[in-house]
Protein backbone atom coordinates (compact mmCIF):
# COMPACT_ATOMS: atom_id res chain seq x y z
CA MET A 1 14.29 -36.14 -13.83
CA VAL A 2 16.10 -32.91 -12.38
CA PRO A 3 16.74 -32.91 -8.11
CA ALA A 4 14.78 -30.30 -6.15
CA ARG A 5 18.02 -29.40 -4.96
CA GLN A 6 21.80 -29.67 -6.11
CA GLY A 7 24.17 -32.25 -4.36
CA ILE A 8 23.43 -35.32 -2.19
CA PRO A 9 20.01 -36.90 -1.76
CA ILE A 10 19.03 -35.78 2.24
CA THR A 11 16.26 -38.59 2.97
CA GLU A 12 15.00 -36.19 5.43
CA LEU A 13 14.46 -33.65 2.84
CA GLU A 14 12.72 -35.50 0.14
CA TYR A 15 8.72 -35.43 -0.25
CA GLY A 16 6.47 -38.23 0.81
CA GLN A 17 4.37 -37.80 -2.25
CA THR A 18 3.55 -36.15 -5.25
CA SER A 19 1.30 -33.17 -5.54
CA TYR A 20 -0.66 -32.47 -8.70
CA ILE A 21 -1.68 -28.87 -7.43
CA ARG A 22 -0.63 -25.73 -6.41
CA VAL A 23 -1.69 -23.75 -3.43
CA THR A 24 -0.28 -20.02 -3.58
CA ILE A 25 -2.03 -17.29 -1.06
CA GLU A 26 -2.04 -13.35 -1.58
CA ASN A 27 1.34 -11.71 -0.97
CA SER A 28 3.44 -14.76 -1.42
CA LYS A 29 5.34 -15.93 -4.18
CA GLY A 30 5.34 -19.20 -3.18
CA SER A 31 3.29 -22.59 -3.53
CA TRP A 32 2.31 -25.16 -1.31
CA PRO A 33 2.72 -28.50 -0.88
CA GLY A 34 6.68 -27.54 -1.40
CA ASN A 35 9.64 -26.24 -0.07
CA THR A 36 11.53 -23.48 -1.54
CA VAL A 37 12.75 -19.78 -0.68
CA TYR A 38 9.94 -18.54 -1.45
CA ASN A 39 7.58 -20.32 1.19
CA CYS A 40 10.48 -19.34 3.39
CA ALA A 41 13.82 -17.75 3.71
CA ARG A 42 15.48 -21.11 4.20
CA GLY A 43 14.22 -22.97 1.87
CA GLU A 44 13.23 -26.47 3.66
CA HIS A 45 11.59 -27.24 7.18
CA CYS A 46 9.34 -24.25 5.88
CA GLY A 47 6.31 -23.27 8.56
CA LEU A 48 2.30 -23.26 7.64
CA PRO A 49 1.75 -20.30 4.91
CA ALA A 50 -0.08 -17.50 6.65
CA PHE A 51 -1.96 -14.22 4.87
CA LEU A 52 -1.00 -10.75 6.45
CA PRO A 53 -3.29 -9.65 9.55
CA MET A 54 -6.80 -9.10 8.77
CA ASP A 55 -9.05 -6.40 10.30
CA PRO A 56 -12.83 -5.24 9.82
CA PHE A 57 -11.14 -2.23 8.29
CA GLY A 58 -9.30 -3.51 5.78
CA SER A 59 -9.75 -5.46 2.75
CA GLU A 60 -12.48 -7.37 3.17
CA THR A 61 -11.23 -10.63 1.43
CA ARG A 62 -7.82 -12.49 0.77
CA TRP A 63 -7.43 -15.19 -2.35
CA ILE A 64 -5.82 -18.14 -2.67
CA ASP A 65 -5.68 -19.61 -6.03
CA VAL A 66 -5.42 -23.41 -6.71
CA GLY A 67 -3.75 -24.66 -9.59
CA SER A 68 -2.86 -27.95 -11.24
CA ALA A 69 1.11 -29.13 -10.94
CA GLY A 70 0.77 -32.16 -12.93
CA PRO A 71 -0.49 -34.73 -15.19
CA MET A 72 -3.52 -35.89 -12.92
CA ASP A 73 -7.01 -34.38 -12.68
CA VAL A 74 -7.43 -33.61 -8.76
CA THR A 75 -10.80 -32.87 -6.38
CA PHE A 76 -10.35 -30.19 -3.18
CA THR A 77 -12.69 -28.77 -0.25
CA VAL A 78 -11.77 -26.65 1.94
CA LYS A 79 -13.21 -25.72 5.76
CA GLY A 80 -12.36 -23.05 8.00
CA ASP A 81 -12.59 -22.10 11.54
CA ASP A 82 -16.86 -21.38 12.02
CA TRP A 83 -15.85 -17.54 11.50
CA ILE A 84 -14.02 -18.28 8.07
CA THR A 85 -15.73 -18.12 5.09
CA ILE A 86 -14.22 -19.44 2.08
CA GLU A 87 -15.52 -19.25 -1.85
CA PRO A 88 -15.96 -21.61 -3.60
CA SER A 89 -15.20 -24.84 -1.16
CA HIS A 90 -14.67 -27.05 -3.39
CA GLY A 91 -13.65 -27.78 -7.06
CA LYS A 92 -11.88 -30.08 -9.24
CA ILE A 93 -8.42 -29.02 -10.75
CA MET A 94 -8.24 -30.34 -14.46
CA ARG A 95 -4.57 -31.47 -15.91
CA ASP A 96 -4.24 -29.15 -18.39
CA ALA A 97 -5.03 -26.43 -15.86
CA SER A 98 -8.17 -25.13 -17.82
CA THR A 99 -10.09 -25.06 -14.48
CA ASP A 100 -7.55 -23.11 -11.76
CA MET A 101 -9.42 -21.22 -9.69
CA ARG A 102 -9.32 -18.26 -7.20
CA LEU A 103 -11.12 -18.73 -3.97
CA ARG A 104 -12.18 -16.02 -1.80
CA LEU A 105 -11.36 -15.70 2.25
CA SER A 106 -13.73 -13.56 3.96
CA ILE A 107 -14.02 -13.00 8.00
CA ASP A 108 -17.31 -12.94 10.05
CA TRP A 109 -16.16 -10.19 12.73
CA SER A 110 -19.43 -10.75 14.92
CA LYS A 111 -17.52 -14.23 15.56
CA ALA A 112 -14.03 -13.59 15.24
CA PRO A 113 -12.06 -13.65 18.64
CA LYS A 114 -10.67 -10.11 19.93
CA GLU A 115 -7.07 -11.12 18.29
CA GLY A 116 -5.62 -14.60 17.24
CA THR A 117 -5.05 -16.87 14.17
CA GLY A 118 -7.54 -19.37 12.58
CA GLN A 119 -7.17 -21.76 10.46
CA ILE A 120 -8.39 -23.24 6.69
CA ARG A 121 -7.68 -26.71 5.82
CA LEU A 122 -7.23 -27.95 2.06
CA ALA A 123 -7.49 -31.34 1.46
CA ALA A 124 -7.18 -33.00 -2.19
CA SER A 125 -7.84 -36.17 -3.80
CA ASP A 126 -4.36 -36.68 -4.27
CA SER A 127 -3.42 -36.72 -0.90
CA SER A 128 -2.29 -33.55 -0.66
CA ASN A 129 -3.22 -30.95 2.34
CA VAL A 130 -1.98 -27.78 2.65
CA THR A 131 -3.10 -25.66 5.98
CA ILE A 132 -3.14 -21.64 5.71
CA ASN A 133 -2.98 -19.56 8.82
CA VAL A 134 -5.22 -16.67 9.38
CA PRO A 135 -4.16 -14.02 12.13
CA VAL A 136 -7.05 -11.29 13.00
CA THR A 137 -7.09 -8.57 15.07
CA ASN A 138 -10.63 -7.36 15.86
CA TYR A 139 -10.69 -3.64 16.12
CA GLU A 140 -12.99 -1.66 17.94
CA ARG A 141 -15.08 1.12 16.17
CA PRO A 142 -13.85 4.53 16.26
CA SER A 143 -15.28 6.84 19.04
CA LYS A 144 -18.63 8.40 18.67
CA GLY A 145 -18.30 11.51 16.98
CA PHE A 146 -15.72 10.41 14.62
CA SER A 147 -15.29 11.59 11.50
CA GLY A 148 -12.77 10.86 8.91
CA HIS A 149 -10.33 7.94 7.65
CA VAL A 150 -9.86 4.70 9.60
CA GLU A 151 -7.16 2.46 9.53
CA GLY A 152 -7.33 -0.81 7.97
CA ASP A 153 -4.31 -3.17 6.76
CA GLN A 154 -1.76 -1.11 8.84
CA PHE A 155 -2.25 1.98 6.80
CA ILE A 156 -4.47 4.74 5.91
CA ALA A 157 -4.67 6.01 2.13
CA ILE A 158 -6.84 9.32 1.44
CA GLU A 159 -7.91 10.84 -1.41
CA ALA A 160 -6.80 14.27 -1.16
CA GLY A 161 -10.30 15.46 -2.52
CA HIS A 162 -12.31 14.19 0.56
CA THR A 163 -11.34 17.15 3.45
CA SER A 164 -12.48 16.97 6.69
CA ARG A 165 -11.87 20.52 6.53
CA ASN A 166 -10.80 23.48 3.63
CA ALA A 167 -10.18 26.85 4.88
CA SER A 168 -9.40 29.91 2.53
CA GLU A 169 -7.22 32.84 3.27
CA GLY A 170 -8.40 36.39 1.63
CA GLU A 171 -8.37 35.39 -1.91
CA TYR A 172 -6.75 32.03 -1.87
CA ALA A 173 -7.66 28.46 -1.29
CA PHE A 174 -7.62 25.32 -2.67
CA GLN A 175 -10.19 23.98 -5.24
CA GLU A 176 -10.44 20.72 -6.19
CA LEU A 177 -9.57 19.72 -10.29
CA ARG A 178 -11.81 16.91 -10.76
CA GLY A 179 -10.21 13.85 -12.71
CA TYR A 180 -6.97 15.12 -11.93
CA GLY A 181 -4.10 12.42 -11.79
CA ARG A 182 -3.79 8.74 -11.65
CA THR A 183 -6.84 8.22 -8.74
CA LEU A 184 -9.75 10.69 -8.53
CA SER A 185 -8.41 14.12 -8.41
CA GLY A 186 -5.88 16.70 -7.58
CA LEU A 187 -6.17 19.78 -5.03
CA GLU A 188 -4.41 22.85 -5.83
CA MET A 189 -4.84 26.34 -4.41
CA PHE A 190 -5.86 29.21 -6.72
CA PRO A 191 -5.15 31.89 -8.02
CA ARG A 192 -1.89 30.63 -9.62
CA SER A 193 0.21 33.74 -8.57
CA THR A 194 4.14 34.34 -7.19
CA GLN A 195 2.13 34.76 -4.02
CA ASN A 196 4.37 33.33 -1.07
CA PHE A 197 2.60 32.47 2.28
CA THR A 198 4.25 32.47 5.40
CA ILE A 199 3.73 28.83 6.96
CA GLY A 200 0.73 28.72 9.34
CA HIS A 201 -0.94 31.91 7.94
CA GLY A 202 -1.98 30.70 3.76
CA PRO A 203 -5.39 28.77 2.90
CA SER A 204 -5.16 24.76 4.66
CA ILE A 205 -6.71 21.48 3.86
CA GLU A 206 -7.64 19.14 7.00
CA TYR A 207 -8.28 15.26 7.40
CA ASP A 208 -9.25 13.53 9.94
CA PHE A 209 -7.89 9.98 10.68
CA TRP A 210 -8.04 7.13 13.02
CA THR A 211 -5.23 4.68 14.55
CA HIS A 212 -5.37 1.77 16.31
CA SER A 213 -2.20 2.27 18.14
CA ALA A 214 0.61 4.14 18.98
CA GLY A 215 3.96 4.15 17.00
CA ASP A 216 5.95 4.98 13.98
CA ALA A 217 4.86 5.25 10.53
CA LEU A 218 5.84 6.96 6.87
CA VAL A 219 4.29 9.31 5.50
CA ASN A 220 3.69 9.61 2.15
CA ILE A 221 2.07 13.06 0.59
CA GLN A 222 1.57 12.66 -3.37
CA ILE A 223 1.67 15.76 -5.20
CA GLY A 224 1.78 15.78 -9.03
CA PRO A 225 4.49 16.69 -11.43
CA SER A 226 5.97 20.40 -11.62
CA LEU A 227 8.82 22.55 -11.48
CA ASN A 228 10.33 25.27 -9.42
CA PHE A 229 8.84 27.70 -11.60
CA LEU A 230 9.41 30.86 -9.34
CA GLY A 231 12.46 32.09 -10.72
CA THR A 232 16.39 31.78 -9.28
CA ASN A 233 16.18 30.68 -5.57
CA LYS A 234 12.69 30.30 -5.00
CA THR A 235 11.27 26.68 -5.10
CA LEU A 236 7.71 25.57 -4.47
CA ALA A 237 6.56 25.04 -0.86
CA PHE A 238 3.93 24.25 1.19
CA GLY A 239 3.65 23.17 5.18
CA VAL A 240 2.52 19.93 6.89
CA GLN A 241 1.42 19.88 10.77
CA ILE A 242 0.11 16.77 12.12
CA ASP A 243 -1.90 17.19 15.84
CA GLN A 244 -0.83 20.19 17.66
CA ALA A 245 3.04 19.65 16.49
CA ASP A 246 4.68 22.75 14.83
CA PRO A 247 3.84 22.85 10.93
CA VAL A 248 7.07 21.71 8.63
CA ILE A 249 7.67 23.56 5.61
CA ILE A 250 8.19 21.21 2.40
CA ASN A 251 10.50 21.84 -0.96
CA PRO A 252 9.35 19.21 -2.46
CA ILE A 253 11.54 19.57 -5.85
CA PRO A 254 14.92 19.36 -5.95
CA THR A 255 16.97 22.41 -7.30
CA GLU A 256 20.01 20.62 -8.69
CA PRO A 257 19.26 19.96 -12.39
CA LEU A 258 18.54 16.96 -14.29
CA GLY A 259 22.49 16.51 -15.81
CA PHE A 260 24.71 18.29 -17.83
CA ALA A 261 25.81 18.56 -21.81
CA ILE A 262 29.69 17.26 -21.45
CA GLU A 263 29.97 16.23 -24.90
CA ARG A 264 29.54 19.70 -26.35
CA PRO A 265 33.48 20.31 -28.99
CA GLY A 266 34.33 23.51 -28.28
CA GLN A 267 31.55 24.51 -25.27
CA THR A 268 31.59 24.45 -21.54
CA PRO A 269 29.30 21.88 -20.15
CA VAL A 270 25.25 23.22 -19.15
CA ALA A 271 22.71 22.10 -17.81
CA ILE A 272 20.21 20.35 -19.67
CA GLY A 273 17.08 22.09 -19.23
CA ALA A 274 15.56 23.99 -15.81
CA VAL A 275 14.73 20.11 -14.61
CA PRO A 276 15.13 18.62 -11.26
CA LYS A 277 17.60 15.58 -11.01
CA ASP A 278 14.75 13.11 -10.57
CA TRP A 279 12.19 14.87 -13.46
CA ILE A 280 12.44 11.40 -15.54
CA ASN A 281 11.24 8.86 -12.77
CA VAL A 282 8.34 11.62 -11.60
CA VAL A 283 6.99 11.96 -14.94
CA LYS A 284 7.35 8.37 -15.69
CA SER A 285 4.96 7.67 -12.78
CA GLU A 286 3.32 10.96 -12.82
CA ILE A 287 3.67 11.81 -9.11
CA ARG A 288 6.01 12.73 -7.39
CA ASN A 289 6.22 10.96 -3.51
CA VAL A 290 7.13 13.41 -0.38
CA VAL A 291 8.28 11.11 1.95
CA PHE A 292 8.84 11.82 5.88
CA PRO A 293 8.39 9.70 9.05
CA VAL A 294 6.40 10.48 12.09
CA LYS A 295 5.43 8.76 15.58
CA PHE A 296 2.42 9.02 17.04
CA GLU A 297 2.00 9.09 20.75
CA ASP A 298 -1.46 7.66 21.24
CA SER A 299 -4.28 5.72 19.42
CA GLY A 300 -7.15 6.89 18.09
CA LYS A 301 -8.33 10.23 16.53
CA HIS A 302 -5.36 12.52 14.47
CA THR A 303 -5.42 15.32 12.26
CA ILE A 304 -2.84 16.18 9.58
CA LYS A 305 -3.01 20.12 7.82
CA LEU A 306 -1.52 20.92 4.79
CA TRP A 307 -1.03 24.84 4.70
CA GLY A 308 -0.74 26.28 1.26
CA MET A 309 2.33 28.66 1.12
CA THR A 310 2.97 29.00 -2.89
CA THR A 311 1.42 28.14 -5.90
CA GLY A 312 1.69 25.24 -8.34
CA ILE A 313 1.63 22.22 -6.07
CA ILE A 314 -1.27 19.67 -6.46
CA VAL A 315 -2.18 17.06 -3.31
CA GLU A 316 -3.36 14.02 -5.42
CA ARG A 317 -3.08 11.45 -2.42
CA ILE A 318 -2.12 11.22 1.41
CA LEU A 319 -0.65 7.80 2.48
CA PHE A 320 0.34 6.84 6.19
CA ASP A 321 1.93 2.95 6.21
CA MET A 322 2.29 1.99 9.55
CA GLY A 323 3.67 -1.17 7.73
CA GLY A 324 1.11 -2.55 5.66
CA ILE A 325 2.09 -0.68 2.50
CA SER A 326 5.96 -1.81 2.67
CA SER A 327 4.74 -5.44 3.13
CA ARG A 328 2.67 -5.94 0.52
CA ALA A 329 3.48 -6.10 -3.30
CA PRO A 330 4.31 -2.82 -4.60
CA ALA A 331 1.44 -1.19 -6.86
CA TYR A 332 1.45 1.70 -9.39
CA LEU A 333 -1.62 3.42 -8.31
CA GLY A 334 -1.01 2.57 -4.45
CA PRO A 335 -3.80 0.84 -2.10
CA PRO A 336 -6.79 1.68 -2.47
CA GLU A 337 -8.71 4.75 -0.19
CA SER A 338 -9.00 3.87 3.15
CA ARG A 339 -12.91 2.98 4.61
CA ARG A 340 -14.17 6.58 5.77
CA VAL A 341 -16.96 6.91 8.73
């Protein structure tokens, strides 16, 4: 038998029993019962597993995986506080892992506390017991008359096509390209030309959103792959304005080229194409992330406004991360769109 840890056995670190099931929760690599560096950083004397906080505007469920961990069939039951629902609430895990299952946890927000931590308890026939903490914040609905996206799970995700307002400037306006990009669509300024608007004077698109608290956040405006095609020393650009702050010019595409051909016998190094240095990663992921910090002085309603300055930029999504995106396992397409009210 291979010891759980190298070195001299320490009685207080030994397990009192052998468990034939393993319990894993959403956004964790750990499994319980047990102590590993995935359960907690120090890998011993780990506390109770805990879900990421839940609220009425985030994901409606969290999952719990229950699976086989040894040569014994095990039955189990799960119970929680009266405002927590787990489905299914019982099951049987076969030793060959053929009945490993995923449970779904949901919250009855009409009964949940304003803020606090509930618990669910799993008890198995092999005497295994796992208690899981369920932290919740029962936010109130936005004020009457608000229309827009609402923060949930500590982030806001907006599809570019779901604008609150879309204003044109002369013949120029943002138009939706349905089916473009990785999720819903993209918005691009038309007609395509070499026009370069002064910030604050071109066509614009706006998005209203609601935050539950003030503080710092990261904004990620996701745009489709594009190049600086307007000529020497001319870069694509758009403007960003949040609430009543002054609009800021964004030049999202680097001017530094991808690289140089340095092994050309008898010739001087030359740039490999007119593409930016990060082009390979942008093409592989089919998106360019334009990320910058923002600070919200107050909770409640906010507005982000994108100003069209040059054609050639296609906006796909807008993300505000208050910690909820960075704390979760990365997903290729990013988080689902936030709830709209």
